[in-house]
Amino acid sequence: MTIAFSCYPLTTDLTRALAHFGPTDEALTLSNLRALPLARLWSTLRRTAPDRIRVVLGEPTERTLLPILLMLAALTRASRIEVVDLATAEVRTVPRIRALFGIWHSIAASVAGQLAKLEAERRTKALMQTVPLTFAAPTFERGLYLKSNLMLGTLAGGSVGHIAGVANELYRRSRSLVLAALEFPAMVDRDVPFVSIRPLTHYGIPPESNHLRFDRHCYDAAAPILERGDADFIYQRLSIANFTGVRLSRRYNVPLILEYNGSEVWIAQHWGLKLAWAGLAKRIEQVCFRHAHRIITVSDVLADELRAQGVPDDKIVSYPNCIEPEVFDPSRYDAERRVIRTGLGIGDDELVCTFLGTFGAWHGAEVLAEAIRRYAATHAAGFGTRLRFLMIGDGLLAGKCREMLADEIESGMVIFTGIVAQAKAPGYLAASDIFLSPHVQPGDGSRFFGSPTKLFEYMAMAKPIVASELDQIAEVLHPATRLVDVATHDRWHDGNLAILTRPGSVDDIVDALRLLRDHLEWHQPMGEAARAKALAHYTWRQHVDQIFDTL
């Protein structure tokens, strides 16, 4: 048995590249392992006993994570450890004892993390007592976009589209924009001036200690830009345990525009690995809220959350995620539609129902998997048009969904493509006929705070949408036909954008699939109405306009 061990789930292109080095039986990712408690991580690694474990480097920037990948690989019971660098096509064997050297580096990094914690505690306590600076409206002639996320090799997901959308629009308005990030983000205009943030060479525990250490790297990369006077505002995408933007804003007397997509502390608590230093991470968020000139949120739920934490109304700008109209234009992808459908063995007379996402807890992928299974058992046989299902992406719950749909995968009804790079996503959406957005309510009963980027991409690609009736999703898709109404009267209301289902309802999704299968005449007007609204209200130009107008 051979296991591929990578930082993140490999895209379809990288999976094909890896196949040149021989077959792979299973996949293991650092992103999934890091979400496990230490005891479970240890047991998972010790249960892993392949003949060969291949540490796969998909992108050159991932080489900085090689020591920790090798250390974890050495803790498995693999007979052989190899490193496969897809960028250089190199393969080398690494002795276990050498792979274990990373432990000493991790110990040193953990000590450095403790020191960074003490420094962050001192700084944040002082900043919570410090009066925020006030600024006149910036000229927006020169800006610094600071992407402080400590993530490498991210080629797909809603954040990719959001980062590219805002950065590209800022650059269109100001050719003096400078982008500082760990690596050049996917989909961003290659002409944007770029400053590379020095990566961490080793990682310690707890995981948030690495973010605290990385804060210094972000500051060191961005400070010279402001020292030269090359930016009159900072735009920072808030990331966990990072307050670089606040420090730069105060040091160089420029306003900070903070992008807030939800509390990373809350997300870790409810959907990921609980933080050992949650109190400090939360205080850092509060410091950022206190000292930001404006806070940009993507939903009214998040805006309400900020108000509940004492953020003044005049600091908050709320506007949903958006799309790039030239990228998500269905008329551009006729050739891709044919090629992709042919490659996947999908006939012209079959309807393709597509879910695209990172299989997070909020995406509702498990609910969709159960709905597909039920549809296959009760509606698939004996009817005219055949439905096929594309599950595009990978992530924490993808493995469970594959297990749930094993029979349907075997029959060819369901196809899991793996991760598709963001640049190729429009082609796969063009190859589809129905889009599925089965998002679910947070498990703690709180309101759905998200603004799913894929929802707007679905709308722009002009196909019918089945979506959960949740907060912003329902607002954006208004007017829409609620499943309970259309199922009763078996008709769709002209001008409506989508069919809305009750969140978490398997029966509703099954009924919606049946209706769209049986009423092909609904597809075109529903899709056209959705695209028209996306172009009228949800482009990145309009999103950035809203930011500028409030300043």
Protein backbone atom coordinates (compact mmCIF):
# COMPACT_ATOMS: atom_id res chain seq x y z
CA MET A 1 0.00 0.00 0.00
CA THR A 2 1.16 3.54 -0.84
CA ILE A 3 -0.13 6.64 0.96
CA ALA A 4 0.28 10.17 -0.40
CA PHE A 5 0.86 12.67 2.40
CA SER A 6 0.46 16.33 1.42
CA CYS A 7 -0.11 19.69 3.07
CA TYR A 8 -3.60 20.04 1.62
CA PRO A 9 -5.81 17.88 -0.61
CA LEU A 10 -4.23 17.78 -4.05
CA THR A 11 -5.96 19.42 -6.98
CA THR A 12 -6.95 17.27 -9.95
CA ASP A 13 -3.90 18.50 -11.88
CA LEU A 14 -1.50 17.64 -9.05
CA THR A 15 -3.15 14.25 -8.59
CA ARG A 16 -2.50 13.50 -12.26
CA ALA A 17 1.11 14.63 -11.89
CA LEU A 18 1.57 12.36 -8.88
CA ALA A 19 0.22 9.39 -10.85
CA HIS A 20 3.37 9.49 -13.01
CA PHE A 21 5.33 8.23 -9.99
CA GLY A 22 3.12 5.19 -9.50
CA PRO A 23 -0.29 4.37 -8.06
CA THR A 24 -1.51 5.77 -4.75
CA ASP A 25 -3.95 3.85 -2.58
CA GLU A 26 -4.87 6.43 0.04
CA ALA A 27 -4.36 10.11 0.83
CA LEU A 28 -3.43 11.82 4.07
CA THR A 29 -3.29 15.59 4.55
CA LEU A 30 -1.65 17.84 7.10
CA SER A 31 -4.71 20.11 7.06
CA ASN A 32 -6.89 17.25 8.32
CA LEU A 33 -4.35 15.94 10.84
CA ARG A 34 -3.87 19.35 12.45
CA ALA A 35 -7.58 19.42 13.35
CA LEU A 36 -7.13 16.35 15.58
CA PRO A 37 -6.42 16.47 19.32
CA LEU A 38 -2.88 15.32 20.12
CA ALA A 39 -3.95 11.93 21.51
CA ARG A 40 -6.02 11.15 18.43
CA LEU A 41 -3.29 12.45 16.14
CA TRP A 42 -0.82 10.05 17.75
CA SER A 43 -3.17 7.05 17.44
CA THR A 44 -3.99 7.93 13.82
CA LEU A 45 -0.32 8.08 12.88
CA ARG A 46 0.54 4.84 14.69
CA ARG A 47 -2.33 3.01 12.97
CA THR A 48 -0.99 4.10 9.60
CA ALA A 49 1.26 1.28 8.36
CA PRO A 50 1.69 1.39 4.57
CA ASP A 51 4.55 -0.11 2.60
CA ARG A 52 5.41 3.39 1.45
CA ILE A 53 4.41 6.90 2.48
CA ARG A 54 5.06 9.59 -0.10
CA VAL A 55 5.44 13.12 1.23
CA VAL A 56 4.12 15.15 -1.69
CA LEU A 57 5.14 18.76 -2.29
CA GLY A 58 2.60 20.20 -4.69
CA GLU A 59 3.92 23.76 -4.82
CA PRO A 60 7.45 25.14 -4.30
CA THR A 61 6.24 27.22 -1.32
CA GLU A 62 5.28 24.04 0.52
CA ARG A 63 8.94 23.09 0.95
CA THR A 64 9.01 25.12 4.16
CA LEU A 65 6.58 22.58 5.63
CA LEU A 66 8.75 19.61 4.68
CA PRO A 67 10.32 19.16 8.16
CA ILE A 68 6.96 18.80 9.87
CA LEU A 69 5.63 16.54 7.11
CA LEU A 70 8.67 14.29 7.45
CA MET A 71 8.42 14.24 11.23
CA LEU A 72 4.78 13.11 11.09
CA ALA A 73 5.57 10.58 8.37
CA ALA A 74 8.32 9.16 10.60
CA LEU A 75 5.77 8.63 13.38
CA THR A 76 3.74 6.29 11.17
CA ARG A 77 4.72 2.65 10.76
CA ALA A 78 5.49 3.06 7.07
CA SER A 79 8.24 0.78 5.79
CA ARG A 80 9.61 3.47 3.46
CA ILE A 81 9.45 7.27 3.45
CA GLU A 82 9.82 9.16 0.18
CA VAL A 83 9.64 12.82 -0.79
CA VAL A 84 8.04 13.59 -4.15
CA ASP A 85 8.52 17.18 -5.33
CA LEU A 86 6.04 17.66 -8.17
CA ALA A 87 7.54 21.02 -9.19
CA THR A 88 10.95 19.47 -9.94
CA ALA A 89 9.82 15.85 -10.55
CA GLU A 90 12.35 14.71 -7.93
CA VAL A 91 11.89 11.62 -5.77
CA ARG A 92 14.15 10.75 -2.87
CA THR A 93 14.08 8.34 0.02
CA VAL A 94 14.51 9.74 3.53
CA PRO A 95 15.77 7.55 6.40
CA ARG A 96 13.39 7.52 9.36
CA ILE A 97 16.04 8.79 11.77
CA ARG A 98 16.65 11.83 9.55
CA ALA A 99 12.93 12.46 9.20
CA LEU A 100 12.66 12.52 13.00
CA PHE A 101 15.17 15.38 13.24
CA GLY A 102 12.20 17.70 12.80
CA ILE A 103 11.18 17.00 16.40
CA TRP A 104 14.10 19.10 17.69
CA HIS A 105 13.19 21.97 15.40
CA SER A 106 9.58 21.76 16.58
CA ILE A 107 10.68 21.92 20.21
CA ALA A 108 12.71 25.05 19.47
CA ALA A 109 9.78 26.56 17.56
CA SER A 110 7.46 25.80 20.49
CA VAL A 111 9.79 27.66 22.87
CA ALA A 112 9.88 30.61 20.46
CA GLY A 113 6.09 30.47 20.36
CA GLN A 114 5.90 30.81 24.13
CA LEU A 115 8.07 33.91 23.94
CA ALA A 116 5.87 35.31 21.16
CA LYS A 117 2.85 34.69 23.39
CA LEU A 118 4.32 36.72 26.23
CA GLU A 119 5.09 39.56 23.83
CA ALA A 120 1.59 39.45 22.31
CA GLU A 121 -0.03 39.49 25.75
CA ARG A 122 1.96 42.57 26.69
CA ARG A 123 1.19 44.40 23.46
CA THR A 124 -2.52 43.56 23.32
CA LYS A 125 -3.17 44.54 26.94
CA ALA A 126 -1.62 47.93 26.21
CA LEU A 127 -3.53 48.35 22.94
CA MET A 128 -6.86 47.61 24.63
CA GLN A 129 -6.19 50.62 26.85
CA THR A 130 -4.92 52.87 24.04
CA VAL A 131 -7.18 55.41 22.33
CA PRO A 132 -7.61 54.57 18.60
CA LEU A 133 -6.20 57.01 16.07
CA THR A 134 -8.52 59.05 13.88
CA PHE A 135 -7.98 59.69 10.19
CA ALA A 136 -9.27 61.82 7.38
CA ALA A 137 -10.58 59.94 4.36
CA PRO A 138 -7.63 58.28 2.57
CA THR A 139 -6.89 59.21 -1.03
CA PHE A 140 -6.74 55.55 -2.13
CA GLU A 141 -3.95 56.49 -4.52
CA ARG A 142 -1.58 54.01 -2.87
CA GLY A 143 -2.52 50.98 -0.83
CA LEU A 144 -1.08 47.93 0.89
CA TYR A 145 -3.07 44.69 0.73
CA LEU A 146 -1.83 42.53 3.60
CA LYS A 147 -2.71 38.83 3.39
CA SER A 148 -1.52 37.53 6.74
CA ASN A 149 -2.90 33.99 6.52
CA LEU A 150 -0.35 31.32 7.43
CA MET A 151 -1.44 28.95 4.68
CA LEU A 152 0.52 27.64 1.70
CA GLY A 153 -0.62 26.15 -1.58
CA THR A 154 -4.26 27.28 -1.40
CA LEU A 155 -5.53 27.08 -4.98
CA ALA A 156 -9.26 26.61 -4.41
CA GLY A 157 -12.01 27.68 -2.04
CA GLY A 158 -14.13 30.73 -1.40
CA SER A 159 -11.25 32.68 0.13
CA VAL A 160 -9.31 32.43 -3.14
CA GLY A 161 -12.07 34.16 -5.08
CA HIS A 162 -12.56 36.79 -2.37
CA ILE A 163 -8.88 37.69 -2.11
CA ALA A 164 -8.48 37.89 -5.87
CA GLY A 165 -11.69 39.85 -6.34
CA VAL A 166 -10.82 42.59 -3.85
CA ALA A 167 -7.11 42.76 -4.71
CA ASN A 168 -7.75 42.96 -8.46
CA GLU A 169 -10.38 45.67 -8.04
CA LEU A 170 -8.14 47.72 -5.76
CA TYR A 171 -5.35 47.39 -8.33
CA ARG A 172 -7.67 48.50 -11.14
CA ARG A 173 -8.31 51.69 -9.17
CA SER A 174 -4.76 52.24 -7.99
CA ARG A 175 -1.82 50.87 -9.94
CA SER A 176 0.29 51.70 -6.89
CA LEU A 177 -1.27 48.90 -4.83
CA VAL A 178 1.29 46.56 -3.24
CA LEU A 179 0.32 43.05 -2.17
CA ALA A 180 2.17 41.41 0.74
CA ALA A 181 1.56 37.71 1.31
CA LEU A 182 3.27 34.42 2.04
CA GLU A 183 2.90 33.47 -1.62
CA PHE A 184 1.36 35.15 -4.65
CA PRO A 185 -2.37 34.39 -4.40
CA ALA A 186 -4.15 32.41 -7.09
CA MET A 187 -6.27 34.38 -9.58
CA VAL A 188 -4.68 37.74 -8.70
CA ASP A 189 -3.50 39.85 -11.65
CA ARG A 190 0.18 39.00 -12.17
CA ASP A 191 0.99 42.68 -12.70
CA VAL A 192 0.18 43.53 -9.07
CA PRO A 193 3.45 44.48 -7.28
CA PHE A 194 4.23 41.78 -4.75
CA VAL A 195 6.25 41.56 -1.54
CA SER A 196 6.87 38.08 -0.19
CA ILE A 197 6.44 37.49 3.53
CA ARG A 198 9.20 35.24 4.86
CA PRO A 199 7.72 31.82 5.77
CA LEU A 200 8.30 30.03 9.03
CA THR A 201 10.98 27.38 8.67
CA HIS A 202 9.71 25.24 11.54
CA TYR A 203 6.43 24.80 13.36
CA GLY A 204 5.71 24.35 17.05
CA ILE A 205 2.77 23.64 19.32
CA PRO A 206 0.15 24.77 20.05
CA PRO A 207 -0.68 25.67 16.43
CA GLU A 208 -1.62 29.25 17.25
CA SER A 209 1.94 29.84 18.49
CA ASN A 210 3.02 29.70 14.85
CA HIS A 211 0.59 32.48 13.95
CA LEU A 212 2.02 34.65 16.72
CA ARG A 213 5.55 34.09 15.40
CA PHE A 214 4.38 34.77 11.85
CA ASP A 215 2.99 38.14 12.96
CA ARG A 216 6.58 39.39 13.22
CA HIS A 217 7.35 38.17 9.69
CA CYS A 218 4.30 40.04 8.36
CA TYR A 219 5.40 43.24 10.09
CA ASP A 220 8.97 42.98 8.81
CA ALA A 221 7.77 42.49 5.21
CA ALA A 222 5.23 45.32 5.22
CA ALA A 223 7.03 47.97 7.28
CA PRO A 224 9.49 49.04 4.53
CA ILE A 225 6.56 49.74 2.18
CA LEU A 226 5.07 52.17 4.69
CA GLU A 227 8.48 53.54 5.67
CA ARG A 228 8.93 54.68 2.05
CA GLY A 229 5.49 56.29 2.08
CA ASP A 230 4.25 53.90 -0.60
CA ALA A 231 0.81 53.33 1.00
CA ASP A 232 -1.81 55.67 2.42
CA PHE A 233 -4.05 52.86 3.64
CA ILE A 234 -3.72 49.23 4.75
CA TYR A 235 -6.26 46.58 3.77
CA GLN A 236 -5.82 43.44 5.89
CA ARG A 237 -7.78 40.21 5.71
CA LEU A 238 -8.13 39.31 9.40
CA SER A 239 -6.43 36.04 10.29
CA ILE A 240 -6.02 34.17 13.53
CA ALA A 241 -3.70 35.64 16.19
CA ASN A 242 -2.40 38.38 13.89
CA PHE A 243 -2.53 42.11 14.60
CA THR A 244 0.14 43.28 12.18
CA GLY A 245 -2.23 45.78 10.58
CA VAL A 246 -2.91 47.51 13.89
CA ARG A 247 0.78 47.87 14.68
CA LEU A 248 1.58 49.19 11.21
CA SER A 249 -1.36 51.59 11.26
CA ARG A 250 -0.25 53.13 14.54
CA ARG A 251 3.45 53.15 13.71
CA TYR A 252 3.03 54.87 10.31
CA ASN A 253 -0.20 56.80 10.95
CA VAL A 254 -2.23 55.27 8.10
CA PRO A 255 -5.80 53.94 8.35
CA LEU A 256 -6.45 50.21 8.62
CA ILE A 257 -9.33 48.68 6.67
CA LEU A 258 -9.99 45.28 8.21
CA GLU A 259 -11.78 42.49 6.34
CA TYR A 260 -13.74 40.29 8.75
CA ASN A 261 -15.20 36.99 7.56
CA GLY A 262 -16.09 35.59 10.98
CA SER A 263 -14.33 34.91 14.26
CA GLU A 264 -11.47 32.49 13.76
CA VAL A 265 -11.72 31.74 17.48
CA TRP A 266 -15.39 30.73 17.14
CA ILE A 267 -14.64 28.67 14.03
CA ALA A 268 -11.83 26.81 15.81
CA GLN A 269 -14.04 26.21 18.84
CA HIS A 270 -16.98 24.81 16.86
CA TRP A 271 -15.59 23.49 13.58
CA GLY A 272 -11.89 22.84 14.05
CA LEU A 273 -9.14 22.25 16.57
CA LYS A 274 -9.90 24.08 19.81
CA LEU A 275 -7.30 26.72 20.60
CA ALA A 276 -5.04 26.31 23.61
CA TRP A 277 -4.65 30.10 23.78
CA ALA A 278 -8.23 31.03 22.86
CA GLY A 279 -8.30 33.94 25.31
CA LEU A 280 -5.30 35.61 23.72
CA ALA A 281 -6.57 34.94 20.19
CA LYS A 282 -9.91 36.54 21.10
CA ARG A 283 -8.18 39.58 22.60
CA ILE A 284 -6.18 40.00 19.40
CA GLU A 285 -9.46 40.06 17.45
CA GLN A 286 -10.78 42.72 19.83
CA VAL A 287 -7.60 44.78 19.41
CA CYS A 288 -8.09 44.67 15.64
CA PHE A 289 -11.74 45.73 15.97
CA ARG A 290 -10.79 48.57 18.33
CA HIS A 291 -8.09 50.08 16.14
CA ALA A 292 -9.40 49.46 12.61
CA HIS A 293 -10.66 52.55 10.76
CA ARG A 294 -13.28 50.46 8.97
CA ILE A 295 -14.31 46.81 9.28
CA ILE A 296 -15.63 45.16 6.13
CA THR A 297 -17.96 42.21 6.70
CA VAL A 298 -19.68 39.97 4.19
CA SER A 299 -23.02 39.57 5.99
CA ASP A 300 -25.42 41.48 8.20
CA VAL A 301 -25.16 38.67 10.76
CA LEU A 302 -21.46 39.44 11.14
CA ALA A 303 -22.23 43.16 11.31
CA ASP A 304 -24.67 42.49 14.15
CA GLU A 305 -22.00 40.39 15.87
CA LEU A 306 -19.58 43.31 15.71
CA ARG A 307 -22.16 45.69 17.13
CA ALA A 308 -22.79 43.26 19.99
CA GLN A 309 -19.07 43.47 20.79
CA GLY A 310 -19.22 47.24 21.01
CA VAL A 311 -17.97 48.19 17.54
CA PRO A 312 -19.56 51.52 16.51
CA ASP A 313 -21.94 51.50 13.54
CA ASP A 314 -19.88 54.03 11.63
CA LYS A 315 -16.95 51.61 11.54
CA ILE A 316 -18.90 48.76 9.94
CA VAL A 317 -19.42 48.16 6.23
CA SER A 318 -21.48 45.12 5.24
CA TYR A 319 -21.58 43.82 1.67
CA PRO A 320 -21.81 40.21 0.47
CA ASN A 321 -19.20 38.27 -1.42
CA CYS A 322 -19.23 38.82 -5.17
CA ILE A 323 -18.00 37.62 -8.56
CA GLU A 324 -15.80 38.75 -11.42
CA PRO A 325 -18.28 38.97 -14.35
CA GLU A 326 -15.64 38.37 -17.02
CA VAL A 327 -14.46 35.17 -15.31
CA PHE A 328 -17.88 33.73 -14.48
CA ASP A 329 -19.45 34.22 -17.89
CA PRO A 330 -21.19 31.05 -19.15
CA SER A 331 -20.85 32.10 -22.80
CA ARG A 332 -17.04 31.68 -22.56
CA TYR A 333 -17.02 28.00 -21.63
CA ASP A 334 -18.87 26.06 -24.33
CA ALA A 335 -15.71 24.16 -25.30
CA GLU A 336 -14.83 23.38 -21.67
CA ARG A 337 -18.36 22.09 -21.09
CA ARG A 338 -18.00 19.57 -23.89
CA VAL A 339 -14.48 18.50 -22.92
CA ILE A 340 -15.25 18.08 -19.22
CA ARG A 341 -18.51 16.19 -19.76
CA THR A 342 -16.88 13.89 -22.30
CA GLY A 343 -13.92 13.29 -20.01
CA LEU A 344 -16.23 12.35 -17.14
CA GLY A 345 -18.37 10.10 -19.32
CA ILE A 346 -21.49 12.27 -19.07
CA GLY A 347 -23.99 12.15 -21.92
CA ASP A 348 -25.65 15.14 -23.56
CA ASP A 349 -29.06 13.97 -22.34
CA GLU A 350 -28.02 13.70 -18.69
CA LEU A 351 -28.50 16.45 -16.10
CA VAL A 352 -25.43 17.21 -14.00
CA CYS A 353 -26.12 18.38 -10.44
CA THR A 354 -23.03 19.97 -8.91
CA PHE A 355 -21.80 20.70 -5.40
CA LEU A 356 -18.58 22.69 -5.20
CA GLY A 357 -16.94 23.31 -1.84
CA THR A 358 -14.32 22.44 0.73
CA PHE A 359 -16.56 19.99 2.62
CA GLY A 360 -16.58 22.08 5.78
CA ALA A 361 -19.05 21.57 8.61
CA TRP A 362 -21.25 24.42 7.34
CA HIS A 363 -21.48 23.24 3.73
CA GLY A 364 -24.07 20.54 4.38
CA ALA A 365 -22.25 17.98 2.25
CA GLU A 366 -23.39 15.11 4.48
CA VAL A 367 -27.02 16.20 4.12
CA LEU A 368 -26.57 16.30 0.36
CA ALA A 369 -24.92 12.87 0.36
CA GLU A 370 -27.90 11.41 2.20
CA ALA A 371 -30.28 13.14 -0.23
CA ILE A 372 -28.43 11.68 -3.22
CA ARG A 373 -28.56 8.26 -1.63
CA ARG A 374 -32.29 8.58 -1.04
CA TYR A 375 -32.90 9.91 -4.54
CA ALA A 376 -31.00 6.95 -5.98
CA ALA A 377 -33.14 4.53 -3.96
CA THR A 378 -36.53 6.09 -4.68
CA HIS A 379 -36.45 8.17 -7.87
CA ALA A 380 -33.54 7.20 -10.09
CA ALA A 381 -34.92 4.08 -11.79
CA GLY A 382 -37.65 4.10 -14.39
CA PHE A 383 -37.69 7.82 -15.17
CA GLY A 384 -36.65 9.68 -18.29
CA THR A 385 -33.83 12.14 -17.67
CA ARG A 386 -30.95 10.71 -15.68
CA LEU A 387 -29.32 12.80 -12.99
CA ARG A 388 -25.57 12.64 -12.41
CA PHE A 389 -23.89 14.28 -9.44
CA LEU A 390 -20.53 16.06 -9.37
CA MET A 391 -18.96 16.52 -5.94
CA ILE A 392 -16.13 18.97 -6.56
CA GLY A 393 -13.58 19.68 -3.86
CA ASP A 394 -12.11 17.97 -0.83
CA GLY A 395 -11.83 18.58 2.88
CA LEU A 396 -12.60 17.35 6.36
CA LEU A 397 -15.93 15.64 5.59
CA ALA A 398 -15.18 14.49 2.04
CA GLY A 399 -14.07 11.03 3.17
CA LYS A 400 -17.30 10.46 5.09
CA CYS A 401 -19.35 11.57 2.08
CA ARG A 402 -17.45 9.15 -0.15
CA GLU A 403 -18.24 6.32 2.27
CA MET A 404 -21.92 7.28 2.34
CA LEU A 405 -22.07 7.30 -1.47
CA ALA A 406 -19.90 4.25 -2.17
CA ASP A 407 -22.67 2.44 -4.09
CA GLU A 408 -23.58 5.51 -6.12
CA ILE A 409 -19.92 6.09 -6.97
CA GLU A 410 -19.65 2.48 -8.09
CA SER A 411 -22.72 2.85 -10.32
CA GLY A 412 -21.40 6.05 -11.89
CA MET A 413 -24.24 8.22 -10.61
CA VAL A 414 -21.83 10.21 -8.39
CA ILE A 415 -18.39 11.49 -9.36
CA PHE A 416 -15.94 12.93 -6.84
CA THR A 417 -13.47 15.04 -8.80
CA GLY A 418 -11.21 16.10 -5.93
CA ILE A 419 -10.07 19.70 -5.67
CA VAL A 420 -10.31 21.74 -8.85
CA ALA A 421 -8.13 24.86 -8.99
CA GLN A 422 -10.13 28.09 -8.77
CA ALA A 423 -9.06 29.04 -12.28
CA LYS A 424 -10.74 25.90 -13.65
CA ALA A 425 -13.91 26.15 -11.56
CA PRO A 426 -15.91 28.13 -14.17
CA GLY A 427 -15.40 25.34 -16.71
CA TYR A 428 -16.77 22.73 -14.31
CA LEU A 429 -19.71 24.97 -13.47
CA ALA A 430 -20.37 25.40 -17.19
CA ALA A 431 -20.41 21.60 -17.51
CA SER A 432 -23.22 21.47 -14.93
CA ASP A 433 -26.98 21.88 -15.25
CA ILE A 434 -28.13 22.33 -11.64
CA PHE A 435 -26.22 23.84 -8.70
CA LEU A 436 -26.57 22.64 -5.11
CA SER A 437 -26.01 24.78 -2.02
CA PRO A 438 -27.16 22.65 0.96
CA HIS A 439 -25.67 24.79 3.76
CA VAL A 440 -26.70 24.05 7.33
CA GLN A 441 -27.23 26.09 10.49
CA PRO A 442 -24.35 26.16 13.00
CA GLY A 443 -24.63 23.36 15.52
CA ASP A 444 -24.86 25.77 18.46
CA GLY A 445 -28.09 27.25 17.12
CA SER A 446 -26.56 30.60 16.19
CA ARG A 447 -27.44 32.34 12.93
CA PHE A 448 -25.68 31.40 9.70
CA PHE A 449 -23.07 34.15 9.31
CA GLY A 450 -21.56 33.13 6.00
CA SER A 451 -21.64 34.63 2.55
CA PRO A 452 -20.83 31.60 0.36
CA THR A 453 -18.68 32.73 -2.55
CA LYS A 454 -19.83 29.75 -4.59
CA LEU A 455 -23.44 30.93 -4.35
CA PHE A 456 -22.61 34.05 -6.35
CA GLU A 457 -20.55 32.04 -8.82
CA TYR A 458 -23.54 29.72 -9.26
CA MET A 459 -25.78 32.72 -9.95
CA ALA A 460 -23.38 34.17 -12.50
CA MET A 461 -23.23 30.88 -14.44
CA ALA A 462 -27.00 31.06 -15.13
CA LYS A 463 -28.21 27.63 -14.03
CA PRO A 464 -31.02 26.72 -11.60
CA ILE A 465 -29.99 26.62 -7.94
CA VAL A 466 -31.25 24.52 -5.04
CA ALA A 467 -30.23 26.25 -1.81
CA SER A 468 -30.94 26.25 1.90
CA GLU A 469 -33.23 28.98 3.19
CA LEU A 470 -30.65 30.51 5.52
CA ASP A 471 -30.08 34.18 6.36
CA GLN A 472 -28.04 35.82 3.57
CA ILE A 473 -28.52 32.90 1.17
CA ALA A 474 -32.29 33.48 1.22
CA GLU A 475 -31.84 37.27 0.98
CA VAL A 476 -29.51 37.09 -2.01
CA LEU A 477 -31.72 34.61 -3.86
CA HIS A 478 -34.86 36.70 -3.35
CA PRO A 479 -37.29 36.33 -5.02
CA ALA A 480 -37.11 32.55 -4.79
CA THR A 481 -39.64 29.75 -4.73
CA ARG A 482 -39.81 27.89 -1.45
CA LEU A 483 -39.87 24.14 -1.92
CA VAL A 484 -42.97 23.81 0.24
CA ASP A 485 -44.86 26.02 -2.25
CA VAL A 486 -43.56 24.62 -5.51
CA ALA A 487 -43.95 21.02 -4.33
CA THR A 488 -47.58 21.64 -3.42
CA HIS A 489 -48.54 23.35 -6.66
CA ASP A 490 -45.93 21.76 -8.94
CA ARG A 491 -45.16 25.12 -10.48
CA TRP A 492 -42.40 27.68 -10.37
CA HIS A 493 -43.07 31.41 -10.13
CA ASP A 494 -41.80 33.34 -13.12
CA GLY A 495 -38.86 35.60 -12.26
CA ASN A 496 -37.75 33.62 -9.23
CA LEU A 497 -34.05 32.85 -8.94
CA ALA A 498 -33.90 29.52 -7.14
CA ILE A 499 -35.67 26.83 -5.16
CA LEU A 500 -35.18 27.15 -1.40
CA THR A 501 -35.20 24.15 0.90
CA ARG A 502 -35.39 23.89 4.67
CA PRO A 503 -31.82 23.74 6.06
CA GLY A 504 -30.82 20.16 6.76
CA SER A 505 -33.91 18.67 5.08
CA VAL A 506 -33.00 15.63 3.02
CA ASP A 507 -36.60 15.28 1.80
CA ASP A 508 -36.65 18.84 0.48
CA ILE A 509 -33.48 18.33 -1.55
CA VAL A 510 -34.84 15.10 -3.03
CA ASP A 511 -38.10 16.83 -3.98
CA ALA A 512 -36.25 19.77 -5.51
CA LEU A 513 -34.12 17.42 -7.62
CA ARG A 514 -37.24 15.64 -8.84
CA LEU A 515 -38.93 18.92 -9.78
CA LEU A 516 -35.95 20.23 -11.74
CA ARG A 517 -35.61 16.87 -13.47
CA ASP A 518 -39.26 16.91 -14.51
CA HIS A 519 -39.49 20.61 -15.45
CA LEU A 520 -36.68 21.40 -17.83
CA GLU A 521 -38.62 24.47 -18.98
CA TRP A 522 -37.83 26.14 -15.65
CA HIS A 523 -34.07 25.96 -16.08
CA GLN A 524 -33.33 28.78 -18.51
CA PRO A 525 -35.54 31.52 -16.99
CA MET A 526 -34.42 30.63 -13.47
CA GLY A 527 -30.75 30.75 -14.46
CA GLU A 528 -31.13 33.99 -16.41
CA ALA A 529 -32.86 35.68 -13.47
CA ALA A 530 -30.07 34.61 -11.12
CA ARG A 531 -27.33 35.87 -13.44
CA ALA A 532 -29.10 39.18 -13.96
CA LYS A 533 -29.21 39.80 -10.21
CA ALA A 534 -25.56 38.80 -9.79
CA LEU A 535 -24.47 41.28 -12.44
CA ALA A 536 -26.71 44.02 -11.07
CA HIS A 537 -25.69 43.74 -7.42
CA TYR A 538 -22.82 41.34 -6.75
CA THR A 539 -19.64 42.21 -8.61
CA TRP A 540 -16.34 42.98 -6.92
CA ARG A 541 -16.49 46.48 -8.41
CA GLN A 542 -19.70 47.12 -6.46
CA HIS A 543 -18.21 45.54 -3.34
CA VAL A 544 -15.19 47.86 -3.38
CA ASP A 545 -17.41 50.82 -4.31
CA GLN A 546 -19.28 50.24 -1.07
CA ILE A 547 -16.01 50.36 0.89
CA PHE A 548 -14.88 53.59 -0.77
CA ASP A 549 -18.28 55.26 -0.45
CA THR A 550 -18.27 54.86 3.33
CA LEU A 551 -14.83 56.46 3.66
